[in-house]
Every structure is written in C-alpha cells, then in structure tokens.
Amino acid sequence: MAVPCPGCGRQYDVTLFEFGRTLWCTCGSRVGREVRARRLEGAGSTRFIADAMLGRLARWLRLLGFDCAWEAHIPDERLVRRGVEEARRILTRDRALADEWRVSEIHLVQAEKVRDQLVEVLRRFDLARDILILTRCSECNEPLAPLPAALAAERVPERVLERERRFSACPTCRRVYWEGTHTDRIRRFVDGIVADASAAAG
C-alpha cells in the first residue's frame, strides 16, 4: 500500500507514516495519511500526555487526580507514540505538531500561564466533575494508596503526626501526602479555576 503526494502524485510506502507521521515531498507538499479518529472511552477519556513545555500543567492535572504522563525533553515522535499506544489525549504548546503528526486527540494549549491552561483543559474536556484532589502522585503520576499513621511516623515530621491521622503514599517514589493547610490552598485554587471554566463554558 502506498500514500500519494497531493502535489505531484509520487508514491510513498505506507510504513513511513506510522503513528500519523508526515513528511515533505521533494515537490514541497506535505505527505501523510488522513487523520484517523481515536476512540478514547472510559479511563482513556481523562488520560493525558503533555509535552516537555507543559510540565507545570501536568503536575497540576495530577494533583487534581488526572492521569497525565510527562517526560522532560520528550521528542515529538515519542510523545505521539505514547499518546497513541497508551490511549492518551495529547496536550502540546507546539503549533507544528498537529501538522507534522496526523492523529486525533491532539489539543494545542493556547494559554501561557498554568492557571489559564488548567481552566482551558478543564473546559475543553469537561473535567470539573471528575476532579479528585490528592489521589495521584504529583511526581510519579501513580495512584496514591492509604498509609497507616504508624507507618507514616518515620516518614513525616513529628509536628504533622501530632495533628494528622490520615495519610496516603505513592507506591513508586514513597512520597507521603496528608491533609493540611496546603490542601486548603489547593482546594481554594481549584474552586477558582472550576468557577472560571464553568463561566467560560456558559
């Protein structure tokens, strides 16, 4: 099977266009297959992968409970490949990516500030009702597991043990989480972005 150049008709082997890759023909036209829609249902509808420029957005999406993969310095090919293979929506600030890779579910993030980016993503994918604060590790992206206070004793400051009895931990990096004043600040911040996302949608 071959893919024709829309400009000169030259034929290219279909294997050159894996995962939606495109290329430039010698005639100056971009060659690629048609965009194929991906069906992201269930958990896939709220799974993301963010490009290297969106590290802070990825961290906040994780704090809100969303599965968001992220790698520093990730090349476009690996970003798209992971997005397709792992059934993730692709978040990017790279305007050229959607032209160079013809796959569906690529969202070009327009906002520059992380707060505005969160509002944009929550609104675009209607995520406000799916927020579950502090249920996923902000560093590893792994779901958190309950941690008995007795086991947390050696991993958190003594002053925290004096006032907190409920803990959770990341099974990968062992980072410990608990409710506290920082959680209150996060909740107020999230309430604000949810309100803004709802107002913009309306």
N, C-alpha and C. Protein backbone atom coordinates (compact mmCIF):
# COMPACT_ATOMS: atom_id res chain seq x y z
N MET A 1 0.85 -1.19 0.00
CA MET A 1 0.00 0.00 0.00
C MET A 1 0.89 1.24 0.00
N ALA A 2 0.47 2.25 -0.75
CA ALA A 2 1.26 3.46 -0.87
C ALA A 2 0.41 4.68 -0.54
N VAL A 3 1.09 5.75 -0.15
CA VAL A 3 0.43 7.02 0.14
C VAL A 3 0.90 8.02 -0.91
N PRO A 4 -0.03 8.61 -1.68
CA PRO A 4 0.36 9.53 -2.74
C PRO A 4 0.60 10.95 -2.23
N CYS A 5 1.53 11.64 -2.86
CA CYS A 5 1.73 13.05 -2.58
C CYS A 5 0.57 13.84 -3.20
N PRO A 6 -0.05 14.74 -2.45
CA PRO A 6 -1.18 15.51 -3.02
C PRO A 6 -0.74 16.52 -4.08
N GLY A 7 0.57 16.78 -4.12
CA GLY A 7 1.06 17.75 -5.08
C GLY A 7 1.46 17.15 -6.41
N CYS A 8 2.36 16.15 -6.37
CA CYS A 8 2.88 15.59 -7.61
C CYS A 8 2.47 14.15 -7.86
N GLY A 9 1.84 13.51 -6.88
CA GLY A 9 1.38 12.14 -7.06
C GLY A 9 2.41 11.07 -6.77
N ARG A 10 3.61 11.47 -6.36
CA ARG A 10 4.64 10.48 -6.04
C ARG A 10 4.15 9.56 -4.94
N GLN A 11 4.49 8.28 -5.05
CA GLN A 11 4.00 7.28 -4.10
C GLN A 11 5.05 7.01 -3.01
N TYR A 12 4.57 6.94 -1.76
CA TYR A 12 5.44 6.65 -0.62
C TYR A 12 4.92 5.42 0.12
N ASP A 13 5.85 4.61 0.59
CA ASP A 13 5.47 3.40 1.33
C ASP A 13 4.72 3.76 2.60
N VAL A 14 3.64 3.05 2.87
CA VAL A 14 2.78 3.38 4.00
C VAL A 14 3.50 3.24 5.34
N THR A 15 4.55 2.41 5.39
CA THR A 15 5.25 2.22 6.66
C THR A 15 5.99 3.47 7.12
N LEU A 16 6.15 4.45 6.23
CA LEU A 16 6.81 5.70 6.60
C LEU A 16 5.93 6.59 7.46
N PHE A 17 4.64 6.24 7.57
CA PHE A 17 3.68 7.14 8.22
C PHE A 17 3.10 6.56 9.51
N GLU A 18 3.90 5.73 10.17
CA GLU A 18 3.46 5.11 11.41
C GLU A 18 3.11 6.17 12.46
N PHE A 19 2.04 5.92 13.20
CA PHE A 19 1.56 6.81 14.26
C PHE A 19 1.22 8.21 13.75
N GLY A 20 0.88 8.30 12.46
CA GLY A 20 0.44 9.59 11.94
C GLY A 20 1.54 10.50 11.45
N ARG A 21 2.77 9.96 11.36
CA ARG A 21 3.90 10.77 10.88
C ARG A 21 3.62 11.31 9.48
N THR A 22 4.12 12.51 9.17
CA THR A 22 4.06 13.06 7.82
C THR A 22 5.49 13.36 7.36
N LEU A 23 5.63 13.65 6.07
CA LEU A 23 6.94 14.05 5.55
C LEU A 23 6.74 15.04 4.40
N TRP A 24 7.83 15.74 4.09
CA TRP A 24 7.79 16.67 2.97
C TRP A 24 8.23 15.97 1.70
N CYS A 25 7.45 16.12 0.66
CA CYS A 25 7.82 15.60 -0.66
C CYS A 25 8.83 16.55 -1.30
N THR A 26 9.59 16.04 -2.26
CA THR A 26 10.55 16.89 -2.96
C THR A 26 9.87 18.02 -3.73
N CYS A 27 8.57 17.87 -3.98
CA CYS A 27 7.85 18.94 -4.69
C CYS A 27 7.40 20.06 -3.77
N GLY A 28 7.61 19.85 -2.44
CA GLY A 28 7.24 20.89 -1.48
C GLY A 28 5.92 20.66 -0.78
N SER A 29 5.23 19.57 -1.09
CA SER A 29 3.95 19.26 -0.45
C SER A 29 4.16 18.34 0.75
N ARG A 30 3.31 18.49 1.76
CA ARG A 30 3.37 17.58 2.90
C ARG A 30 2.56 16.33 2.59
N VAL A 31 3.14 15.17 2.87
CA VAL A 31 2.50 13.90 2.57
C VAL A 31 2.17 13.18 3.87
N GLY A 32 0.99 12.63 3.94
CA GLY A 32 0.59 11.87 5.12
C GLY A 32 -0.75 11.22 4.89
N ARG A 33 -1.08 10.30 5.78
CA ARG A 33 -2.39 9.66 5.71
C ARG A 33 -3.42 10.57 6.33
N GLU A 34 -4.68 10.30 6.07
CA GLU A 34 -5.76 11.07 6.67
C GLU A 34 -5.78 10.84 8.17
N VAL A 35 -6.22 11.86 8.90
CA VAL A 35 -6.32 11.75 10.36
C VAL A 35 -7.32 10.66 10.71
N ARG A 36 -6.90 9.74 11.55
CA ARG A 36 -7.79 8.66 11.98
C ARG A 36 -8.29 8.96 13.39
N ALA A 37 -9.59 8.98 13.55
CA ALA A 37 -10.17 9.26 14.87
C ALA A 37 -9.83 8.13 15.83
N ARG A 38 -9.50 8.50 17.05
CA ARG A 38 -9.24 7.51 18.09
C ARG A 38 -10.40 7.54 19.07
N ARG A 39 -10.90 6.39 19.43
CA ARG A 39 -11.99 6.31 20.41
C ARG A 39 -11.40 6.14 21.80
N LEU A 40 -11.50 7.20 22.58
CA LEU A 40 -10.98 7.18 23.94
C LEU A 40 -12.16 7.13 24.89
N GLU A 41 -12.47 5.95 25.36
CA GLU A 41 -13.63 5.77 26.23
C GLU A 41 -13.19 5.41 27.64
N GLY A 42 -14.09 5.58 28.58
CA GLY A 42 -13.80 5.22 29.97
C GLY A 42 -12.62 6.01 30.50
N ALA A 43 -11.65 5.29 31.08
CA ALA A 43 -10.48 5.95 31.66
C ALA A 43 -9.69 6.72 30.60
N GLY A 44 -9.73 6.25 29.36
CA GLY A 44 -8.99 6.91 28.30
C GLY A 44 -9.45 8.33 28.03
N SER A 45 -10.69 8.63 28.36
CA SER A 45 -11.21 9.96 28.09
C SER A 45 -10.61 11.02 29.01
N THR A 46 -9.98 10.61 30.10
CA THR A 46 -9.36 11.57 31.02
C THR A 46 -7.88 11.25 31.24
N ARG A 47 -7.27 10.54 30.29
CA ARG A 47 -5.84 10.24 30.36
C ARG A 47 -5.12 11.16 29.37
N PHE A 48 -4.03 11.75 29.82
CA PHE A 48 -3.32 12.71 29.00
C PHE A 48 -1.83 12.39 28.95
N ILE A 49 -1.18 12.97 27.95
CA ILE A 49 0.27 13.08 27.95
C ILE A 49 0.59 14.50 27.51
N ALA A 50 1.46 15.17 28.25
CA ALA A 50 1.79 16.56 27.98
C ALA A 50 3.21 16.66 27.44
N ASP A 51 3.43 17.62 26.56
CA ASP A 51 4.77 17.76 26.00
C ASP A 51 5.71 18.41 27.02
N ALA A 52 6.99 18.52 26.65
CA ALA A 52 8.01 18.97 27.60
C ALA A 52 7.76 20.38 28.10
N MET A 53 7.04 21.20 27.35
CA MET A 53 6.79 22.58 27.74
C MET A 53 5.67 22.71 28.77
N LEU A 54 4.98 21.63 29.05
CA LEU A 54 3.79 21.68 29.90
C LEU A 54 3.97 20.90 31.20
N GLY A 55 5.18 20.94 31.76
CA GLY A 55 5.45 20.22 33.00
C GLY A 55 4.61 20.69 34.17
N ARG A 56 4.44 21.98 34.33
CA ARG A 56 3.65 22.51 35.45
C ARG A 56 2.17 22.15 35.28
N LEU A 57 1.67 22.19 34.06
CA LEU A 57 0.29 21.79 33.81
C LEU A 57 0.10 20.32 34.16
N ALA A 58 1.06 19.47 33.75
CA ALA A 58 0.98 18.04 34.05
C ALA A 58 0.93 17.81 35.56
N ARG A 59 1.78 18.52 36.29
CA ARG A 59 1.82 18.38 37.75
C ARG A 59 0.49 18.74 38.38
N TRP A 60 -0.13 19.83 37.91
CA TRP A 60 -1.41 20.25 38.46
C TRP A 60 -2.53 19.29 38.08
N LEU A 61 -2.51 18.78 36.88
CA LEU A 61 -3.53 17.80 36.50
C LEU A 61 -3.45 16.57 37.39
N ARG A 62 -2.23 16.16 37.74
CA ARG A 62 -2.06 15.04 38.65
C ARG A 62 -2.60 15.38 40.03
N LEU A 63 -2.34 16.58 40.52
CA LEU A 63 -2.85 16.99 41.82
C LEU A 63 -4.38 16.97 41.84
N LEU A 64 -4.99 17.20 40.68
CA LEU A 64 -6.44 17.17 40.56
C LEU A 64 -6.97 15.76 40.34
N GLY A 65 -6.06 14.79 40.27
CA GLY A 65 -6.47 13.39 40.17
C GLY A 65 -6.46 12.80 38.78
N PHE A 66 -5.93 13.54 37.79
CA PHE A 66 -5.95 13.05 36.42
C PHE A 66 -4.62 12.39 36.04
N ASP A 67 -4.73 11.32 35.29
CA ASP A 67 -3.57 10.58 34.81
C ASP A 67 -2.93 11.40 33.67
N CYS A 68 -1.78 12.00 33.95
CA CYS A 68 -1.11 12.83 32.94
C CYS A 68 0.36 12.46 32.88
N ALA A 69 0.74 11.75 31.83
CA ALA A 69 2.14 11.39 31.64
C ALA A 69 2.92 12.62 31.18
N TRP A 70 4.19 12.66 31.58
CA TRP A 70 5.06 13.78 31.19
C TRP A 70 6.50 13.34 31.27
N GLU A 71 7.30 13.74 30.31
CA GLU A 71 8.73 13.47 30.32
C GLU A 71 9.47 14.74 29.91
N ALA A 72 10.51 15.07 30.64
CA ALA A 72 11.33 16.22 30.26
C ALA A 72 12.06 15.90 28.95
N HIS A 73 12.11 16.87 28.06
CA HIS A 73 12.85 16.76 26.80
C HIS A 73 12.32 15.64 25.89
N ILE A 74 11.03 15.32 26.01
CA ILE A 74 10.48 14.24 25.19
C ILE A 74 10.39 14.68 23.73
N PRO A 75 10.93 13.90 22.78
CA PRO A 75 10.80 14.26 21.36
C PRO A 75 9.38 14.01 20.87
N ASP A 76 9.01 14.69 19.80
CA ASP A 76 7.64 14.59 19.29
C ASP A 76 7.26 13.15 18.97
N GLU A 77 8.17 12.40 18.38
CA GLU A 77 7.86 11.03 17.98
C GLU A 77 7.46 10.19 19.18
N ARG A 78 8.22 10.30 20.28
CA ARG A 78 7.89 9.52 21.47
C ARG A 78 6.61 10.02 22.11
N LEU A 79 6.39 11.33 22.10
CA LEU A 79 5.16 11.91 22.65
C LEU A 79 3.94 11.34 21.94
N VAL A 80 3.96 11.38 20.62
CA VAL A 80 2.82 10.89 19.84
C VAL A 80 2.67 9.38 19.98
N ARG A 81 3.78 8.67 19.93
CA ARG A 81 3.73 7.21 20.05
C ARG A 81 3.10 6.81 21.38
N ARG A 82 3.55 7.42 22.48
CA ARG A 82 2.96 7.10 23.78
C ARG A 82 1.48 7.47 23.83
N GLY A 83 1.15 8.61 23.25
CA GLY A 83 -0.25 9.02 23.24
C GLY A 83 -1.14 8.01 22.54
N VAL A 84 -0.67 7.50 21.40
CA VAL A 84 -1.45 6.53 20.63
C VAL A 84 -1.46 5.17 21.33
N GLU A 85 -0.28 4.68 21.72
CA GLU A 85 -0.20 3.33 22.29
C GLU A 85 -0.91 3.24 23.65
N GLU A 86 -0.90 4.32 24.42
CA GLU A 86 -1.49 4.29 25.76
C GLU A 86 -2.87 4.95 25.81
N ALA A 87 -3.43 5.24 24.63
CA ALA A 87 -4.77 5.84 24.53
C ALA A 87 -4.88 7.09 25.40
N ARG A 88 -3.99 8.05 25.15
CA ARG A 88 -3.98 9.30 25.89
C ARG A 88 -4.25 10.47 24.95
N ARG A 89 -4.94 11.48 25.45
CA ARG A 89 -5.06 12.73 24.73
C ARG A 89 -3.71 13.44 24.82
N ILE A 90 -3.31 14.08 23.74
CA ILE A 90 -2.01 14.74 23.68
C ILE A 90 -2.18 16.24 23.88
N LEU A 91 -1.49 16.78 24.88
CA LEU A 91 -1.52 18.21 25.16
C LEU A 91 -0.18 18.80 24.73
N THR A 92 -0.21 19.86 23.94
CA THR A 92 1.04 20.43 23.44
C THR A 92 0.94 21.94 23.28
N ARG A 93 2.11 22.58 23.36
CA ARG A 93 2.21 24.00 23.04
C ARG A 93 2.86 24.19 21.67
N ASP A 94 3.23 23.10 21.03
CA ASP A 94 3.94 23.13 19.75
C ASP A 94 2.93 23.22 18.60
N ARG A 95 2.85 24.36 17.98
CA ARG A 95 1.87 24.57 16.91
C ARG A 95 2.14 23.68 15.69
N ALA A 96 3.37 23.28 15.51
CA ALA A 96 3.71 22.47 14.33
C ALA A 96 3.35 21.00 14.50
N LEU A 97 3.17 20.56 15.76
CA LEU A 97 2.99 19.13 16.00
C LEU A 97 1.75 18.58 15.30
N ALA A 98 0.64 19.31 15.38
CA ALA A 98 -0.60 18.82 14.76
C ALA A 98 -0.49 18.75 13.24
N ASP A 99 0.39 19.55 12.65
CA ASP A 99 0.59 19.48 11.20
C ASP A 99 1.51 18.31 10.84
N GLU A 100 2.51 18.09 11.69
CA GLU A 100 3.51 17.08 11.38
C GLU A 100 3.05 15.66 11.72
N TRP A 101 2.09 15.57 12.65
CA TRP A 101 1.60 14.24 13.08
C TRP A 101 0.08 14.22 12.95
N ARG A 102 -0.43 13.41 12.06
CA ARG A 102 -1.86 13.38 11.78
C ARG A 102 -2.55 12.30 12.60
N VAL A 103 -2.77 12.63 13.86
CA VAL A 103 -3.54 11.76 14.74
C VAL A 103 -4.59 12.63 15.43
N SER A 104 -5.68 12.01 15.83
CA SER A 104 -6.72 12.77 16.51
C SER A 104 -6.38 12.93 17.99
N GLU A 105 -7.15 13.73 18.66
CA GLU A 105 -7.00 13.96 20.09
C GLU A 105 -5.67 14.64 20.45
N ILE A 106 -5.25 15.56 19.59
CA ILE A 106 -4.15 16.46 19.93
C ILE A 106 -4.77 17.82 20.25
N HIS A 107 -4.51 18.31 21.45
CA HIS A 107 -5.05 19.63 21.82
C HIS A 107 -3.90 20.62 21.96
N LEU A 108 -3.94 21.67 21.15
CA LEU A 108 -2.96 22.73 21.23
C LEU A 108 -3.37 23.69 22.35
N VAL A 109 -2.59 23.71 23.41
CA VAL A 109 -2.89 24.57 24.56
C VAL A 109 -2.55 26.00 24.21
N GLN A 110 -3.55 26.87 24.26
CA GLN A 110 -3.36 28.26 23.85
C GLN A 110 -2.81 29.13 24.98
N ALA A 111 -3.27 28.88 26.20
CA ALA A 111 -2.91 29.73 27.33
C ALA A 111 -1.44 29.59 27.69
N GLU A 112 -0.86 30.66 28.23
CA GLU A 112 0.55 30.65 28.61
C GLU A 112 0.75 30.38 30.10
N LYS A 113 -0.10 30.94 30.95
CA LYS A 113 0.03 30.74 32.39
C LYS A 113 -0.66 29.45 32.81
N VAL A 114 -0.07 28.77 33.81
CA VAL A 114 -0.58 27.45 34.19
C VAL A 114 -2.02 27.51 34.67
N ARG A 115 -2.40 28.56 35.38
CA ARG A 115 -3.79 28.65 35.86
C ARG A 115 -4.75 28.71 34.67
N ASP A 116 -4.40 29.53 33.68
CA ASP A 116 -5.24 29.64 32.49
C ASP A 116 -5.24 28.35 31.67
N GLN A 117 -4.11 27.65 31.68
CA GLN A 117 -4.04 26.35 31.00
C GLN A 117 -4.98 25.34 31.64
N LEU A 118 -5.03 25.34 32.97
CA LEU A 118 -5.93 24.43 33.67
C LEU A 118 -7.39 24.75 33.35
N VAL A 119 -7.73 26.03 33.36
CA VAL A 119 -9.09 26.43 33.01
C VAL A 119 -9.42 25.95 31.60
N GLU A 120 -8.49 26.13 30.68
CA GLU A 120 -8.70 25.73 29.29
C GLU A 120 -8.92 24.23 29.15
N VAL A 121 -8.08 23.43 29.82
CA VAL A 121 -8.19 21.98 29.70
C VAL A 121 -9.45 21.45 30.40
N LEU A 122 -9.75 21.99 31.59
CA LEU A 122 -10.98 21.57 32.28
C LEU A 122 -12.21 21.86 31.45
N ARG A 123 -12.23 23.02 30.82
CA ARG A 123 -13.38 23.40 29.99
C ARG A 123 -13.44 22.56 28.71
N ARG A 124 -12.29 22.41 28.06
CA ARG A 124 -12.26 21.70 26.77
C ARG A 124 -12.72 20.26 26.90
N PHE A 125 -12.35 19.60 28.00
CA PHE A 125 -12.68 18.18 28.15
C PHE A 125 -13.73 17.91 29.22
N ASP A 126 -14.35 18.98 29.72
CA ASP A 126 -15.45 18.87 30.68
C ASP A 126 -15.04 17.99 31.88
N LEU A 127 -13.99 18.40 32.56
CA LEU A 127 -13.41 17.58 33.61
C LEU A 127 -13.79 17.96 35.03
N ALA A 128 -14.50 19.07 35.20
CA ALA A 128 -14.74 19.59 36.54
C ALA A 128 -15.35 18.55 37.48
N ARG A 129 -16.25 17.72 36.98
CA ARG A 129 -16.93 16.75 37.84
C ARG A 129 -16.05 15.54 38.17
N ASP A 130 -14.91 15.42 37.49
CA ASP A 130 -14.04 14.26 37.70
C ASP A 130 -12.84 14.56 38.61
N ILE A 131 -12.78 15.77 39.15
CA ILE A 131 -11.64 16.15 39.99
C ILE A 131 -11.66 15.39 41.31
N LEU A 132 -10.52 14.80 41.66
CA LEU A 132 -10.33 14.11 42.94
C LEU A 132 -8.96 14.54 43.48
N ILE A 133 -8.96 15.57 44.28
CA ILE A 133 -7.71 16.17 44.75
C ILE A 133 -6.91 15.19 45.60
N LEU A 134 -5.59 15.20 45.37
CA LEU A 134 -4.64 14.39 46.12
C LEU A 134 -4.97 12.90 46.13
N THR A 135 -5.24 12.37 44.96
CA THR A 135 -5.44 10.92 44.81
C THR A 135 -4.37 10.31 43.90
N ARG A 136 -3.48 11.18 43.38
CA ARG A 136 -2.43 10.72 42.47
C ARG A 136 -1.14 11.47 42.79
N CYS A 137 -0.02 10.79 42.68
CA CYS A 137 1.26 11.42 42.99
C CYS A 137 1.58 12.49 41.96
N SER A 138 1.92 13.68 42.45
CA SER A 138 2.23 14.77 41.53
C SER A 138 3.59 14.60 40.87
N GLU A 139 4.43 13.72 41.43
CA GLU A 139 5.75 13.48 40.87
C GLU A 139 5.77 12.28 39.93
N CYS A 140 5.15 11.18 40.35
CA CYS A 140 5.24 9.92 39.59
C CYS A 140 4.00 9.61 38.75
N ASN A 141 2.91 10.30 39.02
CA ASN A 141 1.65 10.07 38.32
C ASN A 141 0.98 8.76 38.73
N GLU A 142 1.43 8.14 39.81
CA GLU A 142 0.84 6.89 40.28
C GLU A 142 -0.33 7.18 41.23
N PRO A 143 -1.39 6.35 41.21
CA PRO A 143 -2.47 6.50 42.19
C PRO A 143 -1.92 6.30 43.60
N LEU A 144 -2.38 7.11 44.54
CA LEU A 144 -1.92 7.02 45.91
C LEU A 144 -2.64 5.89 46.64
N ALA A 145 -1.95 5.31 47.62
CA ALA A 145 -2.51 4.24 48.44
C ALA A 145 -2.56 4.71 49.89
N PRO A 146 -3.59 4.27 50.67
CA PRO A 146 -3.65 4.65 52.09
C PRO A 146 -2.39 4.19 52.83
N LEU A 147 -1.95 5.01 53.78
CA LEU A 147 -0.77 4.69 54.57
C LEU A 147 -1.12 4.82 56.05
N PRO A 148 -1.07 3.73 56.81
CA PRO A 148 -1.38 3.81 58.24
C PRO A 148 -0.46 4.80 58.95
N ALA A 149 -1.02 5.49 59.93
CA ALA A 149 -0.24 6.50 60.65
C ALA A 149 1.02 5.91 61.28
N ALA A 150 0.93 4.65 61.72
CA ALA A 150 2.09 4.02 62.34
C ALA A 150 3.25 3.90 61.36
N LEU A 151 2.94 3.65 60.09
CA LEU A 151 3.98 3.54 59.08
C LEU A 151 4.45 4.91 58.58
N ALA A 152 3.57 5.89 58.73
CA ALA A 152 3.93 7.24 58.31
C ALA A 152 4.84 7.92 59.32
N ALA A 153 4.87 7.41 60.54
CA ALA A 153 5.59 8.06 61.63
C ALA A 153 7.05 8.34 61.31
N GLU A 154 7.69 7.41 60.62
CA GLU A 154 9.11 7.58 60.32
C GLU A 154 9.36 8.36 59.03
N ARG A 155 8.29 8.80 58.37
CA ARG A 155 8.44 9.45 57.06
C ARG A 155 7.89 10.86 57.01
N VAL A 156 7.29 11.34 58.13
CA VAL A 156 6.76 12.70 58.15
C VAL A 156 7.25 13.41 59.42
N PRO A 157 7.26 14.74 59.42
CA PRO A 157 7.68 15.48 60.61
C PRO A 157 6.79 15.17 61.81
N GLU A 158 7.37 15.23 63.00
CA GLU A 158 6.61 14.92 64.22
C GLU A 158 5.43 15.85 64.40
N ARG A 159 5.59 17.12 64.05
CA ARG A 159 4.50 18.08 64.20
C ARG A 159 3.30 17.69 63.35
N VAL A 160 3.55 17.03 62.21
CA VAL A 160 2.44 16.59 61.36
C VAL A 160 1.70 15.44 62.02
N LEU A 161 2.44 14.53 62.61
CA LEU A 161 1.82 13.39 63.31
C LEU A 161 0.94 13.84 64.47
N GLU A 162 1.28 14.95 65.06
CA GLU A 162 0.51 15.45 66.21
C GLU A 162 -0.88 15.92 65.81
N ARG A 163 -1.05 16.32 64.55
CA ARG A 163 -2.36 16.86 64.16
C ARG A 163 -3.06 16.08 63.05
N GLU A 164 -2.33 15.18 62.36
CA GLU A 164 -2.91 14.42 61.25
C GLU A 164 -2.89 12.93 61.55
N ARG A 165 -3.96 12.23 61.17
CA ARG A 165 -4.01 10.78 61.36
C ARG A 165 -4.24 10.02 60.06
N ARG A 166 -4.55 10.74 58.99
CA ARG A 166 -4.83 10.09 57.71
C ARG A 166 -3.73 10.46 56.72
N PHE A 167 -3.12 9.42 56.14
CA PHE A 167 -2.03 9.63 55.19
C PHE A 167 -2.22 8.74 53.97
N SER A 168 -1.58 9.14 52.89
CA SER A 168 -1.51 8.30 51.70
C SER A 168 -0.10 8.43 51.15
N ALA A 169 0.30 7.46 50.33
CA ALA A 169 1.66 7.46 49.82
C ALA A 169 1.71 6.94 48.40
N CYS A 170 2.73 7.38 47.68
CA CYS A 170 2.96 6.89 46.33
C CYS A 170 3.70 5.56 46.42
N PRO A 171 3.22 4.52 45.77
CA PRO A 171 3.89 3.22 45.83
C PRO A 171 5.22 3.19 45.07
N THR A 172 5.46 4.19 44.23
CA THR A 172 6.70 4.22 43.44
C THR A 172 7.80 5.03 44.11
N CYS A 173 7.52 6.30 44.38
CA CYS A 173 8.56 7.16 44.97
C CYS A 173 8.46 7.27 46.48
N ARG A 174 7.39 6.72 47.08
CA ARG A 174 7.17 6.69 48.53
C ARG A 174 6.90 8.08 49.12
N ARG A 175 6.61 9.05 48.29
CA ARG A 175 6.24 10.37 48.77
C ARG A 175 4.95 10.26 49.56
N VAL A 176 4.89 10.94 50.72
CA VAL A 176 3.73 10.86 51.61
C VAL A 176 2.88 12.13 51.48
N TYR A 177 1.57 11.93 51.48
CA TYR A 177 0.63 13.05 51.36
C TYR A 177 -0.31 13.03 52.56
N TRP A 178 -0.77 14.23 52.96
CA TRP A 178 -1.75 14.34 54.04
C TRP A 178 -2.51 15.65 53.88
N GLU A 179 -3.66 15.70 54.52
CA GLU A 179 -4.46 16.92 54.52
C GLU A 179 -3.76 17.95 55.39
N GLY A 180 -3.86 19.21 55.02
CA GLY A 180 -3.22 20.26 55.81
C GLY A 180 -3.54 21.61 55.22
N THR A 181 -2.84 22.63 55.68
CA THR A 181 -3.10 23.98 55.18
C THR A 181 -2.82 24.08 53.69
N HIS A 182 -1.83 23.32 53.21
CA HIS A 182 -1.52 23.33 51.78
C HIS A 182 -2.70 22.77 50.98
N THR A 183 -3.39 21.78 51.56
CA THR A 183 -4.54 21.20 50.88
C THR A 183 -5.67 22.21 50.79
N ASP A 184 -5.86 22.99 51.84
CA ASP A 184 -6.88 24.04 51.81
C ASP A 184 -6.59 25.05 50.70
N ARG A 185 -5.32 25.40 50.53
CA ARG A 185 -4.94 26.34 49.48
C ARG A 185 -5.20 25.74 48.09
N ILE A 186 -4.89 24.46 47.96
CA ILE A 186 -5.14 23.78 46.69
C ILE A 186 -6.63 23.77 46.38
N ARG A 187 -7.45 23.47 47.40
CA ARG A 187 -8.90 23.42 47.19
C ARG A 187 -9.45 24.79 46.78
N ARG A 188 -8.96 25.84 47.40
CA ARG A 188 -9.43 27.19 47.04
C ARG A 188 -9.01 27.53 45.61
N PHE A 189 -7.78 27.14 45.27
CA PHE A 189 -7.28 27.37 43.91
C PHE A 189 -8.14 26.62 42.90
N VAL A 190 -8.43 25.36 43.19
CA VAL A 190 -9.23 24.53 42.28
C VAL A 190 -10.65 25.07 42.17
N ASP A 191 -11.23 25.51 43.29
CA ASP A 191 -12.58 26.10 43.24
C ASP A 191 -12.61 27.29 42.29
N GLY A 192 -11.54 28.06 42.30
CA GLY A 192 -11.46 29.23 41.43
C GLY A 192 -11.38 28.86 39.96
N ILE A 193 -10.55 27.87 39.63
CA ILE A 193 -10.42 27.52 38.21
C ILE A 193 -11.67 26.80 37.70
N VAL A 194 -12.32 26.01 38.60
CA VAL A 194 -13.58 25.36 38.19
C VAL A 194 -14.65 26.41 37.90
N ALA A 195 -14.71 27.43 38.75
CA ALA A 195 -15.69 28.51 38.54
C ALA A 195 -15.40 29.23 37.21
N ASP A 196 -14.13 29.49 36.95
CA ASP A 196 -13.77 30.18 35.70
C ASP A 196 -14.07 29.30 34.48
N ALA A 197 -13.79 28.00 34.59
CA ALA A 197 -14.06 27.09 33.48
C ALA A 197 -15.56 27.00 33.21
N SER A 198 -16.35 26.97 34.27
CA SER A 198 -17.81 26.89 34.11
C SER A 198 -18.36 28.18 33.52
N ALA A 199 -17.82 29.32 33.96
CA ALA A 199 -18.28 30.60 33.44
C ALA A 199 -17.93 30.75 31.96
N ALA A 200 -16.73 30.31 31.60
CA ALA A 200 -16.32 30.40 30.19
C ALA A 200 -17.15 29.49 29.32
N ALA A 201 -17.50 28.31 29.86
CA ALA A 201 -18.31 27.35 29.09
C ALA A 201 -19.71 27.87 28.88
N GLY A 202 -20.20 28.63 29.87
CA GLY A 202 -21.56 29.15 29.76
C GLY A 202 -21.67 30.31 28.82
